PDB file of N, CA and C in Angstrom:
ATOM      1  N   UNK A   1     -10.717  46.653  72.496  1.00  0.00           N
ATOM      2  CA  UNK A   1      -9.873  46.371  71.365  1.00  0.00           C
ATOM      3  C   UNK A   1     -10.747  46.047  70.155  1.00  0.00           C
ATOM      4  N   UNK A   2     -10.420  46.654  69.014  1.00  0.00           N
ATOM      5  CA  UNK A   2     -11.184  46.437  67.798  1.00  0.00           C
ATOM      6  C   UNK A   2     -10.690  45.199  67.068  1.00  0.00           C
ATOM      7  N   UNK A   3     -11.625  44.444  66.565  1.00  0.00           N
ATOM      8  CA  UNK A   3     -11.256  43.264  65.776  1.00  0.00           C
ATOM      9  C   UNK A   3     -10.833  43.725  64.387  1.00  0.00           C
ATOM     10  N   UNK A   4      -9.804  43.112  63.884  1.00  0.00           N
ATOM     11  CA  UNK A   4      -9.316  43.431  62.536  1.00  0.00           C
ATOM     12  C   UNK A   4     -10.143  42.702  61.501  1.00  0.00           C
ATOM     13  N   UNK A   5     -10.473  43.403  60.470  1.00  0.00           N
ATOM     14  CA  UNK A   5     -11.179  42.767  59.352  1.00  0.00           C
ATOM     15  C   UNK A   5     -10.198  41.865  58.623  1.00  0.00           C
ATOM     16  N   UNK A   6     -10.650  40.713  58.161  1.00  0.00           N
ATOM     17  CA  UNK A   6      -9.734  39.843  57.417  1.00  0.00           C
ATOM     18  C   UNK A   6      -9.260  40.538  56.140  1.00  0.00           C
ATOM     19  N   UNK A   7      -8.039  40.251  55.774  1.00  0.00           N
ATOM     20  CA  UNK A   7      -7.492  40.822  54.535  1.00  0.00           C
ATOM     21  C   UNK A   7      -8.293  40.301  53.360  1.00  0.00           C
ATOM     22  N   UNK A   8      -8.574  41.168  52.392  1.00  0.00           N
ATOM     23  CA  UNK A   8      -9.331  40.684  51.231  1.00  0.00           C
ATOM     24  C   UNK A   8      -8.522  39.657  50.458  1.00  0.00           C
ATOM     25  N   UNK A   9      -9.200  38.625  49.991  1.00  0.00           N
ATOM     26  CA  UNK A   9      -8.538  37.587  49.198  1.00  0.00           C
ATOM     27  C   UNK A   9      -8.475  38.039  47.747  1.00  0.00           C
ATOM     28  N   UNK A  10      -7.324  37.893  47.182  1.00  0.00           N
ATOM     29  CA  UNK A  10      -7.181  38.208  45.772  1.00  0.00           C
ATOM     30  C   UNK A  10      -7.639  37.006  44.957  1.00  0.00           C
ATOM     31  N   UNK A  11      -8.450  37.257  43.988  1.00  0.00           N
ATOM     32  CA  UNK A  11      -8.911  36.170  43.123  1.00  0.00           C
ATOM     33  C   UNK A  11      -7.743  35.700  42.264  1.00  0.00           C
ATOM     34  N   UNK A  12      -7.595  34.412  42.167  1.00  0.00           N
ATOM     35  CA  UNK A  12      -6.523  33.858  41.338  1.00  0.00           C
ATOM     36  C   UNK A  12      -6.845  34.121  39.874  1.00  0.00           C
ATOM     37  N   UNK A  13      -5.820  34.453  39.126  1.00  0.00           N
ATOM     38  CA  UNK A  13      -5.988  34.673  37.687  1.00  0.00           C
ATOM     39  C   UNK A  13      -6.264  33.320  37.042  1.00  0.00           C
ATOM     40  N   UNK A  14      -7.232  33.242  36.161  1.00  0.00           N
ATOM     41  CA  UNK A  14      -7.494  31.969  35.475  1.00  0.00           C
ATOM     42  C   UNK A  14      -6.270  31.508  34.684  1.00  0.00           C
ATOM     43  N   UNK A  15      -6.103  30.199  34.599  1.00  0.00           N
ATOM     44  CA  UNK A  15      -4.976  29.602  33.864  1.00  0.00           C
ATOM     45  C   UNK A  15      -5.524  28.867  32.643  1.00  0.00           C
ATOM     46  N   UNK A  16      -4.779  28.967  31.544  1.00  0.00           N
ATOM     47  CA  UNK A  16      -5.187  28.355  30.284  1.00  0.00           C
ATOM     48  C   UNK A  16      -4.018  27.625  29.646  1.00  0.00           C
ATOM     49  N   UNK A  17      -4.341  26.566  28.897  1.00  0.00           N
ATOM     50  CA  UNK A  17      -3.372  25.920  28.019  1.00  0.00           C
ATOM     51  C   UNK A  17      -3.799  26.262  26.597  1.00  0.00           C
ATOM     52  N   UNK A  18      -2.851  26.794  25.839  1.00  0.00           N
ATOM     53  CA  UNK A  18      -3.108  27.178  24.457  1.00  0.00           C
ATOM     54  C   UNK A  18      -2.348  26.208  23.564  1.00  0.00           C
ATOM     55  N   UNK A  19      -3.073  25.527  22.696  1.00  0.00           N
ATOM     56  CA  UNK A  19      -2.463  24.591  21.751  1.00  0.00           C
ATOM     57  C   UNK A  19      -2.236  25.322  20.437  1.00  0.00           C
ATOM     58  N   UNK A  20      -1.024  25.143  19.882  1.00  0.00           N
ATOM     59  CA  UNK A  20      -0.649  25.834  18.656  1.00  0.00           C
ATOM     60  C   UNK A  20      -0.010  24.845  17.683  1.00  0.00           C
ATOM     61  N   UNK A  21      -0.237  25.065  16.394  1.00  0.00           N
ATOM     62  CA  UNK A  21       0.427  24.292  15.349  1.00  0.00           C
ATOM     63  C   UNK A  21       1.253  25.252  14.501  1.00  0.00           C
ATOM     64  N   UNK A  22       2.509  24.872  14.286  1.00  0.00           N
ATOM     65  CA  UNK A  22       3.432  25.626  13.441  1.00  0.00           C
ATOM     66  C   UNK A  22       3.850  24.701  12.300  1.00  0.00           C
ATOM     67  N   UNK A  23       3.220  24.807  11.137  1.00  0.00           N
ATOM     68  CA  UNK A  23       3.493  23.866  10.040  1.00  0.00           C
ATOM     69  C   UNK A  23       4.974  23.738   9.665  1.00  0.00           C
ATOM     70  N   UNK A  24       5.727  24.820   9.746  1.00  0.00           N
ATOM     71  CA  UNK A  24       7.159  24.749   9.412  1.00  0.00           C
ATOM     72  C   UNK A  24       8.039  24.765  10.655  1.00  0.00           C
ATOM     73  N   UNK A  25       7.437  24.650  11.815  1.00  0.00           N
ATOM     74  CA  UNK A  25       8.190  24.615  13.065  1.00  0.00           C
ATOM     75  C   UNK A  25       8.287  25.989  13.708  1.00  0.00           C
ATOM     76  N   UNK A  26       8.479  25.968  15.018  1.00  0.00           N
ATOM     77  CA  UNK A  26       8.611  27.199  15.806  1.00  0.00           C
ATOM     78  C   UNK A  26      10.010  27.217  16.365  1.00  0.00           C
ATOM     79  N   UNK A  27      10.841  28.016  15.775  1.00  0.00           N
ATOM     80  CA  UNK A  27      12.246  28.081  16.164  1.00  0.00           C
ATOM     81  C   UNK A  27      12.507  29.410  16.867  1.00  0.00           C
ATOM     82  N   UNK A  28      12.901  29.331  18.117  1.00  0.00           N
ATOM     83  CA  UNK A  28      13.346  30.520  18.843  1.00  0.00           C
ATOM     84  C   UNK A  28      14.861  30.402  18.937  1.00  0.00           C
ATOM     85  N   UNK A  29      15.573  31.341  18.325  1.00  0.00           N
ATOM     86  CA  UNK A  29      17.027  31.227  18.299  1.00  0.00           C
ATOM     87  C   UNK A  29      17.636  31.320  19.700  1.00  0.00           C
ATOM     88  N   UNK A  30      18.768  30.648  19.870  1.00  0.00           N
ATOM     89  CA  UNK A  30      19.492  30.723  21.139  1.00  0.00           C
ATOM     90  C   UNK A  30      20.176  32.086  21.226  1.00  0.00           C
ATOM     91  N   UNK A  31      20.454  32.509  22.428  1.00  0.00           N
ATOM     92  CA  UNK A  31      21.208  33.738  22.617  1.00  0.00           C
ATOM     93  C   UNK A  31      20.342  34.975  22.697  1.00  0.00           C
ATOM     94  N   UNK A  32      20.963  36.110  22.425  1.00  0.00           N
ATOM     95  CA  UNK A  32      20.292  37.398  22.615  1.00  0.00           C
ATOM     96  C   UNK A  32      19.124  37.599  21.654  1.00  0.00           C
ATOM     97  N   UNK A  33      19.201  37.031  20.446  1.00  0.00           N
ATOM     98  CA  UNK A  33      18.083  37.168  19.505  1.00  0.00           C
ATOM     99  C   UNK A  33      16.829  36.476  20.033  1.00  0.00           C
ATOM    100  N   UNK A  34      16.991  35.276  20.574  1.00  0.00           N
ATOM    101  CA  UNK A  34      15.860  34.555  21.145  1.00  0.00           C
ATOM    102  C   UNK A  34      15.325  35.241  22.389  1.00  0.00           C
ATOM    103  N   UNK A  35      16.242  35.764  23.214  1.00  0.00           N
ATOM    104  CA  UNK A  35      15.821  36.482  24.417  1.00  0.00           C
ATOM    105  C   UNK A  35      15.008  37.714  24.051  1.00  0.00           C
ATOM    106  N   UNK A  36      15.436  38.424  23.025  1.00  0.00           N
ATOM    107  CA  UNK A  36      14.716  39.618  22.584  1.00  0.00           C
ATOM    108  C   UNK A  36      13.338  39.255  22.036  1.00  0.00           C
ATOM    109  N   UNK A  37      13.248  38.169  21.280  1.00  0.00           N
ATOM    110  CA  UNK A  37      11.965  37.710  20.755  1.00  0.00           C
ATOM    111  C   UNK A  37      11.002  37.381  21.897  1.00  0.00           C
ATOM    112  N   UNK A  38      11.482  36.624  22.880  1.00  0.00           N
ATOM    113  CA  UNK A  38      10.640  36.263  24.024  1.00  0.00           C
ATOM    114  C   UNK A  38      10.233  37.503  24.815  1.00  0.00           C
ATOM    115  N   UNK A  39      11.154  38.432  24.998  1.00  0.00           N
ATOM    116  CA  UNK A  39      10.857  39.663  25.736  1.00  0.00           C
ATOM    117  C   UNK A  39       9.763  40.471  25.016  1.00  0.00           C
ATOM    118  N   UNK A  40       9.832  40.514  23.683  1.00  0.00           N
ATOM    119  CA  UNK A  40       8.815  41.237  22.912  1.00  0.00           C
ATOM    120  C   UNK A  40       7.442  40.588  23.079  1.00  0.00           C
ATOM    121  N   UNK A  41       7.394  39.253  23.079  1.00  0.00           N
ATOM    122  CA  UNK A  41       6.126  38.542  23.283  1.00  0.00           C
ATOM    123  C   UNK A  41       5.569  38.840  24.671  1.00  0.00           C
ATOM    124  N   UNK A  42       6.430  38.766  25.685  1.00  0.00           N
ATOM    125  CA  UNK A  42       6.006  39.025  27.068  1.00  0.00           C
ATOM    126  C   UNK A  42       5.488  40.453  27.209  1.00  0.00           C
ATOM    127  N   UNK A  43       6.194  41.414  26.618  1.00  0.00           N
ATOM    128  CA  UNK A  43       5.761  42.810  26.701  1.00  0.00           C
ATOM    129  C   UNK A  43       4.403  43.012  26.039  1.00  0.00           C
ATOM    130  N   UNK A  44       4.222  42.423  24.872  1.00  0.00           N
ATOM    131  CA  UNK A  44       2.943  42.541  24.156  1.00  0.00           C
ATOM    132  C   UNK A  44       1.818  41.893  24.962  1.00  0.00           C
ATOM    133  N   UNK A  45       2.087  40.738  25.554  1.00  0.00           N
ATOM    134  CA  UNK A  45       1.087  40.054  26.374  1.00  0.00           C
ATOM    135  C   UNK A  45       0.663  40.913  27.556  1.00  0.00           C
ATOM    136  N   UNK A  46       1.638  41.580  28.166  1.00  0.00           N
ATOM    137  CA  UNK A  46       1.365  42.396  29.343  1.00  0.00           C
ATOM    138  C   UNK A  46       0.350  43.492  29.073  1.00  0.00           C
ATOM    139  N   UNK A  47       0.330  44.000  27.841  1.00  0.00           N
ATOM    140  CA  UNK A  47      -0.638  45.041  27.484  1.00  0.00           C
ATOM    141  C   UNK A  47      -2.074  44.565  27.633  1.00  0.00           C
ATOM    142  N   UNK A  48      -2.298  43.256  27.514  1.00  0.00           N
ATOM    143  CA  UNK A  48      -3.646  42.683  27.640  1.00  0.00           C
ATOM    144  C   UNK A  48      -3.841  41.962  28.973  1.00  0.00           C
ATOM    145  N   UNK A  49      -2.876  42.079  29.899  1.00  0.00           N
ATOM    146  CA  UNK A  49      -2.994  41.404  31.195  1.00  0.00           C
ATOM    147  C   UNK A  49      -2.735  39.915  31.127  1.00  0.00           C
ATOM    148  N   UNK A  50      -2.004  39.483  30.095  1.00  0.00           N
ATOM    149  CA  UNK A  50      -1.716  38.070  29.864  1.00  0.00           C
ATOM    150  C   UNK A  50      -0.283  37.772  30.292  1.00  0.00           C
ATOM    151  N   UNK A  51      -0.093  36.671  31.029  1.00  0.00           N
ATOM    152  CA  UNK A  51       1.241  36.247  31.455  1.00  0.00           C
ATOM    153  C   UNK A  51       1.549  34.882  30.862  1.00  0.00           C
ATOM    154  N   UNK A  52       2.638  34.814  30.090  1.00  0.00           N
ATOM    155  CA  UNK A  52       3.124  33.547  29.529  1.00  0.00           C
ATOM    156  C   UNK A  52       3.913  32.861  30.631  1.00  0.00           C
ATOM    157  N   UNK A  53       3.428  31.721  31.112  1.00  0.00           N
ATOM    158  CA  UNK A  53       4.071  30.996  32.212  1.00  0.00           C
ATOM    159  C   UNK A  53       5.204  30.138  31.665  1.00  0.00           C
ATOM    160  N   UNK A  54       4.913  29.278  30.695  1.00  0.00           N
ATOM    161  CA  UNK A  54       5.910  28.460  30.014  1.00  0.00           C
ATOM    162  C   UNK A  54       5.235  27.699  28.885  1.00  0.00           C
ATOM    163  N   UNK A  55       6.046  27.048  28.069  1.00  0.00           N
ATOM    164  CA  UNK A  55       5.516  26.278  26.946  1.00  0.00           C
ATOM    165  C   UNK A  55       6.209  24.932  26.854  1.00  0.00           C
ATOM    166  N   UNK A  56       5.486  23.969  26.313  1.00  0.00           N
ATOM    167  CA  UNK A  56       6.034  22.666  25.958  1.00  0.00           C
ATOM    168  C   UNK A  56       6.010  22.607  24.439  1.00  0.00           C
ATOM    169  N   UNK A  57       7.120  22.237  23.828  1.00  0.00           N
ATOM    170  CA  UNK A  57       7.228  22.204  22.371  1.00  0.00           C
ATOM    171  C   UNK A  57       7.594  20.783  21.949  1.00  0.00           C
ATOM    172  N   UNK A  58       6.904  20.262  20.930  1.00  0.00           N
ATOM    173  CA  UNK A  58       7.194  18.916  20.430  1.00  0.00           C
ATOM    174  C   UNK A  58       8.608  18.865  19.851  1.00  0.00           C
ATOM    175  N   UNK A  59       9.167  17.657  19.787  1.00  0.00           N
ATOM    176  CA  UNK A  59      10.531  17.485  19.273  1.00  0.00           C
ATOM    177  C   UNK A  59      10.713  18.066  17.877  1.00  0.00           C
ATOM    178  N   UNK A  60       9.675  17.937  17.044  1.00  0.00           N
ATOM    179  CA  UNK A  60       9.800  18.465  15.679  1.00  0.00           C
ATOM    180  C   UNK A  60       9.437  19.955  15.599  1.00  0.00           C
ATOM    181  N   UNK A  61       9.111  20.556  16.722  1.00  0.00           N
ATOM    182  CA  UNK A  61       8.810  21.985  16.859  1.00  0.00           C
ATOM    183  C   UNK A  61       7.575  22.444  16.082  1.00  0.00           C
ATOM    184  N   UNK A  62       6.700  21.499  15.724  1.00  0.00           N
ATOM    185  CA  UNK A  62       5.491  21.880  14.994  1.00  0.00           C
ATOM    186  C   UNK A  62       4.277  22.054  15.899  1.00  0.00           C
ATOM    187  N   UNK A  63       4.370  21.608  17.150  1.00  0.00           N
ATOM    188  CA  UNK A  63       3.257  21.736  18.102  1.00  0.00           C
ATOM    189  C   UNK A  63       3.789  22.365  19.378  1.00  0.00           C
ATOM    190  N   UNK A  64       2.979  23.254  19.945  1.00  0.00           N
ATOM    191  CA  UNK A  64       3.337  23.869  21.221  1.00  0.00           C
ATOM    192  C   UNK A  64       2.104  23.879  22.116  1.00  0.00           C
ATOM    193  N   UNK A  65       2.349  23.690  23.398  1.00  0.00           N
ATOM    194  CA  UNK A  65       1.316  23.737  24.422  1.00  0.00           C
ATOM    195  C   UNK A  65       1.785  24.788  25.418  1.00  0.00           C
ATOM    196  N   UNK A  66       1.153  25.947  25.366  1.00  0.00           N
ATOM    197  CA  UNK A  66       1.623  27.110  26.118  1.00  0.00           C
ATOM    198  C   UNK A  66       0.690  27.377  27.289  1.00  0.00           C
ATOM    199  N   UNK A  67       1.276  27.578  28.466  1.00  0.00           N
ATOM    200  CA  UNK A  67       0.519  27.826  29.683  1.00  0.00           C
ATOM    201  C   UNK A  67       0.498  29.335  29.931  1.00  0.00           C
ATOM    202  N   UNK A  68      -0.706  29.862  30.129  1.00  0.00           N
ATOM    203  CA  UNK A  68      -0.896  31.294  30.345  1.00  0.00           C
ATOM    204  C   UNK A  68      -1.790  31.551  31.548  1.00  0.00           C
ATOM    205  N   UNK A  69      -1.521  32.645  32.247  1.00  0.00           N
ATOM    206  CA  UNK A  69      -2.469  33.216  33.191  1.00  0.00           C
ATOM    207  C   UNK A  69      -3.044  34.432  32.473  1.00  0.00           C
ATOM    208  N   UNK A  70      -4.372  34.521  32.442  1.00  0.00           N
ATOM    209  CA  UNK A  70      -5.007  35.598  31.691  1.00  0.00           C
ATOM    210  C   UNK A  70      -6.411  35.844  32.215  1.00  0.00           C
ATOM    211  N   UNK A  71      -6.907  37.060  32.044  1.00  0.00           N
ATOM    212  CA  UNK A  71      -8.265  37.341  32.512  1.00  0.00           C
ATOM    213  C   UNK A  71      -9.340  36.635  31.700  1.00  0.00           C
ATOM    214  N   UNK A  72      -9.025  36.281  30.432  1.00  0.00           N
ATOM    215  CA  UNK A  72     -10.037  35.639  29.589  1.00  0.00           C
ATOM    216  C   UNK A  72      -9.386  35.043  28.346  1.00  0.00           C
ATOM    217  N   UNK A  73     -10.079  34.113  27.691  1.00  0.00           N
ATOM    218  CA  UNK A  73      -9.581  33.609  26.408  1.00  0.00           C
ATOM    219  C   UNK A  73      -9.458  34.724  25.366  1.00  0.00           C
ATOM    220  N   UNK A  74     -10.358  35.705  25.431  1.00  0.00           N
ATOM    221  CA  UNK A  74     -10.316  36.810  24.480  1.00  0.00           C
ATOM    222  C   UNK A  74      -9.011  37.601  24.615  1.00  0.00           C
ATOM    223  N   UNK A  75      -8.531  37.779  25.843  1.00  0.00           N
ATOM    224  CA  UNK A  75      -7.264  38.484  26.059  1.00  0.00           C
ATOM    225  C   UNK A  75      -6.105  37.702  25.434  1.00  0.00           C
ATOM    226  N   UNK A  76      -6.156  36.384  25.538  1.00  0.00           N
ATOM    227  CA  UNK A  76      -5.124  35.541  24.926  1.00  0.00           C
ATOM    228  C   UNK A  76      -5.187  35.663  23.405  1.00  0.00           C
ATOM    229  N   UNK A  77      -6.388  35.630  22.850  1.00  0.00           N
ATOM    230  CA  UNK A  77      -6.538  35.765  21.396  1.00  0.00           C
ATOM    231  C   UNK A  77      -5.996  37.104  20.910  1.00  0.00           C
ATOM    232  N   UNK A  78      -6.285  38.165  21.646  1.00  0.00           N
ATOM    233  CA  UNK A  78      -5.808  39.504  21.284  1.00  0.00           C
ATOM    234  C   UNK A  78      -4.276  39.535  21.271  1.00  0.00           C
ATOM    235  N   UNK A  79      -3.657  38.983  22.301  1.00  0.00           N
ATOM    236  CA  UNK A  79      -2.196  38.959  22.377  1.00  0.00           C
ATOM    237  C   UNK A  79      -1.602  38.094  21.277  1.00  0.00           C
ATOM    238  N   UNK A  80      -2.214  36.954  21.010  1.00  0.00           N
ATOM    239  CA  UNK A  80      -1.712  36.058  19.961  1.00  0.00           C
ATOM    240  C   UNK A  80      -1.749  36.742  18.606  1.00  0.00           C
ATOM    241  N   UNK A  81      -2.820  37.452  18.332  1.00  0.00           N
ATOM    242  CA  UNK A  81      -2.938  38.165  17.068  1.00  0.00           C
ATOM    243  C   UNK A  81      -1.833  39.215  16.942  1.00  0.00           C
ATOM    244  N   UNK A  82      -1.607  39.956  18.002  1.00  0.00           N
ATOM    245  CA  UNK A  82      -0.562  40.991  17.996  1.00  0.00           C
ATOM    246  C   UNK A  82       0.835  40.390  17.882  1.00  0.00           C
ATOM    247  N   UNK A  83       1.017  39.176  18.405  1.00  0.00           N
ATOM    248  CA  UNK A  83       2.323  38.506  18.335  1.00  0.00           C
ATOM    249  C   UNK A  83       2.455  37.608  17.111  1.00  0.00           C
ATOM    250  N   UNK A  84       1.426  37.571  16.267  1.00  0.00           N
ATOM    251  CA  UNK A  84       1.411  36.727  15.065  1.00  0.00           C
ATOM    252  C   UNK A  84       1.621  35.251  15.405  1.00  0.00           C
ATOM    253  N   UNK A  85       0.939  34.798  16.470  1.00  0.00           N
ATOM    254  CA  UNK A  85       1.029  33.402  16.905  1.00  0.00           C
ATOM    255  C   UNK A  85      -0.313  32.707  16.647  1.00  0.00           C
ATOM    256  N   UNK A  86      -0.275  31.489  16.119  1.00  0.00           N
ATOM    257  CA  UNK A  86      -1.527  30.768  15.849  1.00  0.00           C
ATOM    258  C   UNK A  86      -2.150  30.228  17.137  1.00  0.00           C
ATOM    259  N   UNK A  87      -3.444  29.994  17.082  1.00  0.00           N
ATOM    260  CA  UNK A  87      -4.159  29.332  18.181  1.00  0.00           C
ATOM    261  C   UNK A  87      -5.049  28.260  17.573  1.00  0.00           C
ATOM    262  N   UNK A  88      -4.869  27.010  18.042  1.00  0.00           N
ATOM    263  CA  UNK A  88      -5.767  25.921  17.660  1.00  0.00           C
ATOM    264  C   UNK A  88      -6.894  25.773  18.675  1.00  0.00           C
ATOM    265  N   UNK A  89      -6.525  25.864  19.950  1.00  0.00           N
ATOM    266  CA  UNK A  89      -7.493  25.619  21.020  1.00  0.00           C
ATOM    267  C   UNK A  89      -7.006  26.303  22.289  1.00  0.00           C
ATOM    268  N   UNK A  90      -7.960  26.827  23.058  1.00  0.00           N
ATOM    269  CA  UNK A  90      -7.682  27.390  24.381  1.00  0.00           C
ATOM    270  C   UNK A  90      -8.528  26.609  25.377  1.00  0.00           C
ATOM    271  N   UNK A  91      -7.874  26.074  26.415  1.00  0.00           N
ATOM    272  CA  UNK A  91      -8.574  25.291  27.431  1.00  0.00           C
ATOM    273  C   UNK A  91      -8.314  25.887  28.810  1.00  0.00           C
ATOM    274  N   UNK A  92      -9.385  26.201  29.528  1.00  0.00           N
ATOM    275  CA  UNK A  92      -9.257  26.662  30.910  1.00  0.00           C
ATOM    276  C   UNK A  92      -8.872  25.457  31.766  1.00  0.00           C
ATOM    277  N   UNK A  93      -7.825  25.575  32.584  1.00  0.00           N
ATOM    278  CA  UNK A  93      -7.334  24.447  33.376  1.00  0.00           C
ATOM    279  C   UNK A  93      -7.158  24.839  34.839  1.00  0.00           C
ATOM    280  N   UNK A  94      -7.066  23.821  35.671  1.00  0.00           N
ATOM    281  CA  UNK A  94      -6.726  23.978  37.087  1.00  0.00           C
ATOM    282  C   UNK A  94      -5.598  23.005  37.384  1.00  0.00           C
ATOM    283  N   UNK A  95      -4.830  23.306  38.405  1.00  0.00           N
ATOM    284  CA  UNK A  95      -3.704  22.453  38.769  1.00  0.00           C
ATOM    285  C   UNK A  95      -4.213  21.228  39.525  1.00  0.00           C
ATOM    286  N   UNK A  96      -3.726  20.067  39.134  1.00  0.00           N
ATOM    287  CA  UNK A  96      -3.961  18.827  39.866  1.00  0.00           C
ATOM    288  C   UNK A  96      -2.580  18.326  40.262  1.00  0.00           C
ATOM    289  N   UNK A  97      -2.274  18.441  41.526  1.00  0.00           N
ATOM    290  CA  UNK A  97      -0.955  18.066  42.036  1.00  0.00           C
ATOM    291  C   UNK A  97      -1.076  16.740  42.769  1.00  0.00           C
ATOM    292  N   UNK A  98      -0.428  15.668  42.286  1.00  0.00           N
ATOM    293  CA  UNK A  98      -0.583  14.359  42.924  1.00  0.00           C
ATOM    294  C   UNK A  98      -0.044  14.332  44.349  1.00  0.00           C
ATOM    295  N   UNK A  99       0.817  15.240  44.704  1.00  0.00           N
ATOM    296  CA  UNK A  99       1.397  15.241  46.044  1.00  0.00           C
ATOM    297  C   UNK A  99       0.423  15.770  47.091  1.00  0.00           C
ATOM    298  N   UNK A 100      -0.638  16.429  46.631  1.00  0.00           N
ATOM    299  CA  UNK A 100      -1.681  16.919  47.532  1.00  0.00           C
ATOM    300  C   UNK A 100      -2.365  15.742  48.224  1.00  0.00           C
ATOM    301  N   UNK A 101      -2.454  14.612  47.548  1.00  0.00           N
ATOM    302  CA  UNK A 101      -3.200  13.465  48.058  1.00  0.00           C
ATOM    303  C   UNK A 101      -2.355  12.524  48.912  1.00  0.00           C
ATOM    304  N   UNK A 102      -1.080  12.806  49.051  1.00  0.00           N
ATOM    305  CA  UNK A 102      -0.206  11.933  49.828  1.00  0.00           C
ATOM    306  C   UNK A 102      -0.367  12.201  51.302  1.00  0.00           C
TER     307      UNK A 102
END
């Protein structure tokens, strides 16, 4: 009987937090207009291999902290430029889950 080779491990895509400032606020309209805007951003990101996971937006909508999976910071910058989105800082992050230690 032949031994099976282990399945190749897929490398996890790096995760980044992108900090953004919107001086007049970042308003995504509710309903189909907002859905279309988000869909356009996601489609544009996909061209560069970037996945928008989710974002945290301040109450006044002037600051956003967006979580992305992407091959590199450069890919995020390329997508941001195409989507006309500002970038203040890009930070490579890893998940720290407190429940892992329980």
